[in-house]
Amino acid sequence: MQKRKFDVSFVVERDKDGYFAYCPSLQGCYTQGNSYKEAVVNILDAIKLHIEDRLGSKV
């Protein structure tokens, strides 16, 4: 398996229902969480899955 390094950023915002997180550089890559920490964990997982899908293999 070839390793690749990606530099991406994400944004976490608080709303009335909890926290919303998204990655501006990856279209359609977003998630939510009940806490800030949960939203961060979820967006990191969403970014990983998004990149794996784009590459067609495990990162």
PDB file of N, CA and C in Angstrom:
ATOM      1  N   MET A   1       0.835  -1.166   0.000  1.00  0.00           N
ATOM      2  CA  MET A   1       0.000   0.000   0.000  1.00  0.00           C
ATOM      3  C   MET A   1       0.890   1.242   0.000  1.00  0.00           C
ATOM      4  N   GLN A   2       0.599   2.155  -0.909  1.00  0.00           N
ATOM      5  CA  GLN A   2       1.339   3.400  -0.990  1.00  0.00           C
ATOM      6  C   GLN A   2       0.734   4.413  -0.012  1.00  0.00           C
ATOM      7  N   LYS A   3       1.575   5.059   0.781  1.00  0.00           N
ATOM      8  CA  LYS A   3       1.093   6.072   1.710  1.00  0.00           C
ATOM      9  C   LYS A   3       1.094   7.420   1.017  1.00  0.00           C
ATOM     10  N   ARG A   4       0.090   8.221   1.337  1.00  0.00           N
ATOM     11  CA  ARG A   4      -0.016   9.567   0.797  1.00  0.00           C
ATOM     12  C   ARG A   4      -0.316  10.522   1.934  1.00  0.00           C
ATOM     13  N   LYS A   5       0.147  11.730   1.797  1.00  0.00           N
ATOM     14  CA  LYS A   5      -0.101  12.744   2.810  1.00  0.00           C
ATOM     15  C   LYS A   5      -0.955  13.848   2.201  1.00  0.00           C
ATOM     16  N   PHE A   6      -2.011  14.211   2.940  1.00  0.00           N
ATOM     17  CA  PHE A   6      -2.909  15.270   2.503  1.00  0.00           C
ATOM     18  C   PHE A   6      -3.010  16.318   3.598  1.00  0.00           C
ATOM     19  N   ASP A   7      -2.934  17.571   3.227  1.00  0.00           N
ATOM     20  CA  ASP A   7      -3.171  18.661   4.163  1.00  0.00           C
ATOM     21  C   ASP A   7      -4.557  19.217   3.875  1.00  0.00           C
ATOM     22  N   VAL A   8      -5.452  19.032   4.819  1.00  0.00           N
ATOM     23  CA  VAL A   8      -6.807  19.561   4.680  1.00  0.00           C
ATOM     24  C   VAL A   8      -7.188  20.273   5.974  1.00  0.00           C
ATOM     25  N   SER A   9      -8.082  21.205   5.851  1.00  0.00           N
ATOM     26  CA  SER A   9      -8.588  21.891   7.035  1.00  0.00           C
ATOM     27  C   SER A   9     -10.088  21.639   7.133  1.00  0.00           C
ATOM     28  N   PHE A  10     -10.615  21.841   8.319  1.00  0.00           N
ATOM     29  CA  PHE A  10     -12.048  21.694   8.508  1.00  0.00           C
ATOM     30  C   PHE A  10     -12.550  22.795   9.430  1.00  0.00           C
ATOM     31  N   VAL A  11     -13.849  23.013   9.397  1.00  0.00           N
ATOM     32  CA  VAL A  11     -14.495  24.057  10.177  1.00  0.00           C
ATOM     33  C   VAL A  11     -15.527  23.397  11.072  1.00  0.00           C
ATOM     34  N   VAL A  12     -15.590  23.822  12.334  1.00  0.00           N
ATOM     35  CA  VAL A  12     -16.609  23.348  13.264  1.00  0.00           C
ATOM     36  C   VAL A  12     -17.386  24.568  13.740  1.00  0.00           C
ATOM     37  N   GLU A  13     -18.710  24.513  13.599  1.00  0.00           N
ATOM     38  CA  GLU A  13     -19.576  25.606  14.025  1.00  0.00           C
ATOM     39  C   GLU A  13     -20.636  25.074  14.975  1.00  0.00           C
ATOM     40  N   ARG A  14     -20.990  25.883  15.936  1.00  0.00           N
ATOM     41  CA  ARG A  14     -22.052  25.511  16.864  1.00  0.00           C
ATOM     42  C   ARG A  14     -23.380  26.026  16.330  1.00  0.00           C
ATOM     43  N   ASP A  15     -24.415  25.192  16.414  1.00  0.00           N
ATOM     44  CA  ASP A  15     -25.757  25.626  16.059  1.00  0.00           C
ATOM     45  C   ASP A  15     -26.728  25.180  17.155  1.00  0.00           C
ATOM     46  N   LYS A  16     -28.010  25.402  16.954  1.00  0.00           N
ATOM     47  CA  LYS A  16     -28.992  25.106  17.997  1.00  0.00           C
ATOM     48  C   LYS A  16     -29.093  23.627  18.329  1.00  0.00           C
ATOM     49  N   ASP A  17     -28.659  22.759  17.427  1.00  0.00           N
ATOM     50  CA  ASP A  17     -28.766  21.313  17.631  1.00  0.00           C
ATOM     51  C   ASP A  17     -27.462  20.651  18.054  1.00  0.00           C
ATOM     52  N   GLY A  18     -26.391  21.410  18.188  1.00  0.00           N
ATOM     53  CA  GLY A  18     -25.096  20.821  18.543  1.00  0.00           C
ATOM     54  C   GLY A  18     -23.991  21.472  17.745  1.00  0.00           C
ATOM     55  N   TYR A  19     -23.196  20.650  17.074  1.00  0.00           N
ATOM     56  CA  TYR A  19     -22.052  21.146  16.305  1.00  0.00           C
ATOM     57  C   TYR A  19     -22.090  20.580  14.900  1.00  0.00           C
ATOM     58  N   PHE A  20     -21.736  21.401  13.935  1.00  0.00           N
ATOM     59  CA  PHE A  20     -21.706  21.041  12.523  1.00  0.00           C
ATOM     60  C   PHE A  20     -20.275  21.224  12.043  1.00  0.00           C
ATOM     61  N   ALA A  21     -19.729  20.232  11.343  1.00  0.00           N
ATOM     62  CA  ALA A  21     -18.354  20.307  10.847  1.00  0.00           C
ATOM     63  C   ALA A  21     -18.321  19.997   9.362  1.00  0.00           C
ATOM     64  N   TYR A  22     -17.447  20.695   8.647  1.00  0.00           N
ATOM     65  CA  TYR A  22     -17.298  20.448   7.214  1.00  0.00           C
ATOM     66  C   TYR A  22     -15.882  20.756   6.774  1.00  0.00           C
ATOM     67  N   CYS A  23     -15.539  20.208   5.630  1.00  0.00           N
ATOM     68  CA  CYS A  23     -14.224  20.410   5.028  1.00  0.00           C
ATOM     69  C   CYS A  23     -14.427  21.182   3.727  1.00  0.00           C
ATOM     70  N   PRO A  24     -14.119  22.481   3.691  1.00  0.00           N
ATOM     71  CA  PRO A  24     -14.379  23.298   2.506  1.00  0.00           C
ATOM     72  C   PRO A  24     -13.717  22.791   1.222  1.00  0.00           C
ATOM     73  N   SER A  25     -12.578  22.128   1.333  1.00  0.00           N
ATOM     74  CA  SER A  25     -11.859  21.687   0.128  1.00  0.00           C
ATOM     75  C   SER A  25     -12.362  20.353  -0.421  1.00  0.00           C
ATOM     76  N   LEU A  26     -13.236  19.666   0.315  1.00  0.00           N
ATOM     77  CA  LEU A  26     -13.786  18.388  -0.143  1.00  0.00           C
ATOM     78  C   LEU A  26     -15.306  18.501  -0.239  1.00  0.00           C
ATOM     79  N   GLN A  27     -15.783  18.706  -1.449  1.00  0.00           N
ATOM     80  CA  GLN A  27     -17.208  18.912  -1.673  1.00  0.00           C
ATOM     81  C   GLN A  27     -18.037  17.763  -1.093  1.00  0.00           C
ATOM     82  N   GLY A  28     -19.037  18.109  -0.303  1.00  0.00           N
ATOM     83  CA  GLY A  28     -19.928  17.114   0.268  1.00  0.00           C
ATOM     84  C   GLY A  28     -19.404  16.426   1.507  1.00  0.00           C
ATOM     85  N   CYS A  29     -18.301  16.891   2.047  1.00  0.00           N
ATOM     86  CA  CYS A  29     -17.696  16.267   3.227  1.00  0.00           C
ATOM     87  C   CYS A  29     -18.103  17.067   4.464  1.00  0.00           C
ATOM     88  N   TYR A  30     -19.110  16.571   5.158  1.00  0.00           N
ATOM     89  CA  TYR A  30     -19.608  17.255   6.341  1.00  0.00           C
ATOM     90  C   TYR A  30     -20.218  16.253   7.309  1.00  0.00           C
ATOM     91  N   THR A  31     -20.410  16.680   8.552  1.00  0.00           N
ATOM     92  CA  THR A  31     -20.963  15.824   9.586  1.00  0.00           C
ATOM     93  C   THR A  31     -21.456  16.691  10.728  1.00  0.00           C
ATOM     94  N   GLN A  32     -21.885  16.052  11.802  1.00  0.00           N
ATOM     95  CA  GLN A  32     -22.332  16.784  12.984  1.00  0.00           C
ATOM     96  C   GLN A  32     -21.996  16.003  14.237  1.00  0.00           C
ATOM     97  N   GLY A  33     -22.201  16.613  15.376  1.00  0.00           N
ATOM     98  CA  GLY A  33     -21.972  15.946  16.649  1.00  0.00           C
ATOM     99  C   GLY A  33     -22.686  16.674  17.768  1.00  0.00           C
ATOM    100  N   ASN A  34     -22.919  15.988  18.850  1.00  0.00           N
ATOM    101  CA  ASN A  34     -23.568  16.608  20.008  1.00  0.00           C
ATOM    102  C   ASN A  34     -22.607  17.489  20.794  1.00  0.00           C
ATOM    103  N   SER A  35     -21.301  17.231  20.674  1.00  0.00           N
ATOM    104  CA  SER A  35     -20.281  18.039  21.337  1.00  0.00           C
ATOM    105  C   SER A  35     -19.227  18.423  20.297  1.00  0.00           C
ATOM    106  N   TYR A  36     -18.392  19.404  20.669  1.00  0.00           N
ATOM    107  CA  TYR A  36     -17.300  19.817  19.788  1.00  0.00           C
ATOM    108  C   TYR A  36     -16.379  18.629  19.497  1.00  0.00           C
ATOM    109  N   LYS A  37     -16.024  17.901  20.545  1.00  0.00           N
ATOM    110  CA  LYS A  37     -15.122  16.766  20.386  1.00  0.00           C
ATOM    111  C   LYS A  37     -15.715  15.712  19.453  1.00  0.00           C
ATOM    112  N   GLU A  38     -16.994  15.416  19.619  1.00  0.00           N
ATOM    113  CA  GLU A  38     -17.648  14.427  18.757  1.00  0.00           C
ATOM    114  C   GLU A  38     -17.660  14.903  17.304  1.00  0.00           C
ATOM    115  N   ALA A  39     -17.898  16.185  17.087  1.00  0.00           N
ATOM    116  CA  ALA A  39     -17.893  16.719  15.722  1.00  0.00           C
ATOM    117  C   ALA A  39     -16.513  16.605  15.091  1.00  0.00           C
ATOM    118  N   VAL A  40     -15.447  16.859  15.863  1.00  0.00           N
ATOM    119  CA  VAL A  40     -14.075  16.742  15.346  1.00  0.00           C
ATOM    120  C   VAL A  40     -13.763  15.292  14.986  1.00  0.00           C
ATOM    121  N   VAL A  41     -14.091  14.367  15.881  1.00  0.00           N
ATOM    122  CA  VAL A  41     -13.865  12.937  15.598  1.00  0.00           C
ATOM    123  C   VAL A  41     -14.623  12.538  14.334  1.00  0.00           C
ATOM    124  N   ASN A  42     -15.864  12.988  14.219  1.00  0.00           N
ATOM    125  CA  ASN A  42     -16.689  12.630  13.065  1.00  0.00           C
ATOM    126  C   ASN A  42     -16.154  13.213  11.760  1.00  0.00           C
ATOM    127  N   ILE A  43     -15.674  14.472  11.774  1.00  0.00           N
ATOM    128  CA  ILE A  43     -15.184  15.059  10.530  1.00  0.00           C
ATOM    129  C   ILE A  43     -13.865  14.425  10.110  1.00  0.00           C
ATOM    130  N   LEU A  44     -13.027  14.054  11.064  1.00  0.00           N
ATOM    131  CA  LEU A  44     -11.786  13.363  10.694  1.00  0.00           C
ATOM    132  C   LEU A  44     -12.100  12.025  10.026  1.00  0.00           C
ATOM    133  N   ASP A  45     -13.085  11.314  10.541  1.00  0.00           N
ATOM    134  CA  ASP A  45     -13.515  10.057   9.930  1.00  0.00           C
ATOM    135  C   ASP A  45     -14.130  10.311   8.554  1.00  0.00           C
ATOM    136  N   ALA A  46     -14.941  11.349   8.435  1.00  0.00           N
ATOM    137  CA  ALA A  46     -15.571  11.681   7.145  1.00  0.00           C
ATOM    138  C   ALA A  46     -14.514  12.047   6.101  1.00  0.00           C
ATOM    139  N   ILE A  47     -13.487  12.791   6.501  1.00  0.00           N
ATOM    140  CA  ILE A  47     -12.406  13.156   5.578  1.00  0.00           C
ATOM    141  C   ILE A  47     -11.686  11.897   5.093  1.00  0.00           C
ATOM    142  N   LYS A  48     -11.361  11.011   6.018  1.00  0.00           N
ATOM    143  CA  LYS A  48     -10.682   9.754   5.662  1.00  0.00           C
ATOM    144  C   LYS A  48     -11.515   8.950   4.672  1.00  0.00           C
ATOM    145  N   LEU A  49     -12.807   8.795   4.956  1.00  0.00           N
ATOM    146  CA  LEU A  49     -13.683   8.030   4.072  1.00  0.00           C
ATOM    147  C   LEU A  49     -13.842   8.704   2.720  1.00  0.00           C
ATOM    148  N   HIS A  50     -13.922  10.021   2.707  1.00  0.00           N
ATOM    149  CA  HIS A  50     -14.063  10.766   1.463  1.00  0.00           C
ATOM    150  C   HIS A  50     -12.839  10.557   0.567  1.00  0.00           C
ATOM    151  N   ILE A  51     -11.655  10.648   1.162  1.00  0.00           N
ATOM    152  CA  ILE A  51     -10.418  10.466   0.387  1.00  0.00           C
ATOM    153  C   ILE A  51     -10.287   9.022  -0.081  1.00  0.00           C
ATOM    154  N   GLU A  52     -10.606   8.063   0.783  1.00  0.00           N
ATOM    155  CA  GLU A  52     -10.566   6.654   0.374  1.00  0.00           C
ATOM    156  C   GLU A  52     -11.481   6.416  -0.822  1.00  0.00           C
ATOM    157  N   ASP A  53     -12.663   6.996  -0.770  1.00  0.00           N
ATOM    158  CA  ASP A  53     -13.612   6.840  -1.883  1.00  0.00           C
ATOM    159  C   ASP A  53     -13.072   7.438  -3.170  1.00  0.00           C
ATOM    160  N   ARG A  54     -12.470   8.615  -3.057  1.00  0.00           N
ATOM    161  CA  ARG A  54     -11.894   9.276  -4.236  1.00  0.00           C
ATOM    162  C   ARG A  54     -10.738   8.479  -4.842  1.00  0.00           C
ATOM    163  N   LEU A  55      -9.917   7.888  -3.973  1.00  0.00           N
ATOM    164  CA  LEU A  55      -8.767   7.109  -4.447  1.00  0.00           C
ATOM    165  C   LEU A  55      -9.152   5.699  -4.864  1.00  0.00           C
ATOM    166  N   GLY A  56     -10.270   5.221  -4.345  1.00  0.00           N
ATOM    167  CA  GLY A  56     -10.705   3.867  -4.662  1.00  0.00           C
ATOM    168  C   GLY A  56      -9.949   2.804  -3.904  1.00  0.00           C
ATOM    169  N   SER A  57      -9.247   3.209  -2.832  1.00  0.00           N
ATOM    170  CA  SER A  57      -8.508   2.249  -2.017  1.00  0.00           C
ATOM    171  C   SER A  57      -8.312   2.813  -0.633  1.00  0.00           C
ATOM    172  N   LYS A  58      -7.778   2.002   0.261  1.00  0.00           N
ATOM    173  CA  LYS A  58      -7.512   2.440   1.628  1.00  0.00           C
ATOM    174  C   LYS A  58      -6.368   3.431   1.660  1.00  0.00           C
ATOM    175  N   VAL A  59      -6.499   4.438   2.519  1.00  0.00           N
ATOM    176  CA  VAL A  59      -5.440   5.431   2.714  1.00  0.00           C
ATOM    177  C   VAL A  59      -4.554   4.967   3.834  1.00  0.00           C
TER     178      VAL A  59
END
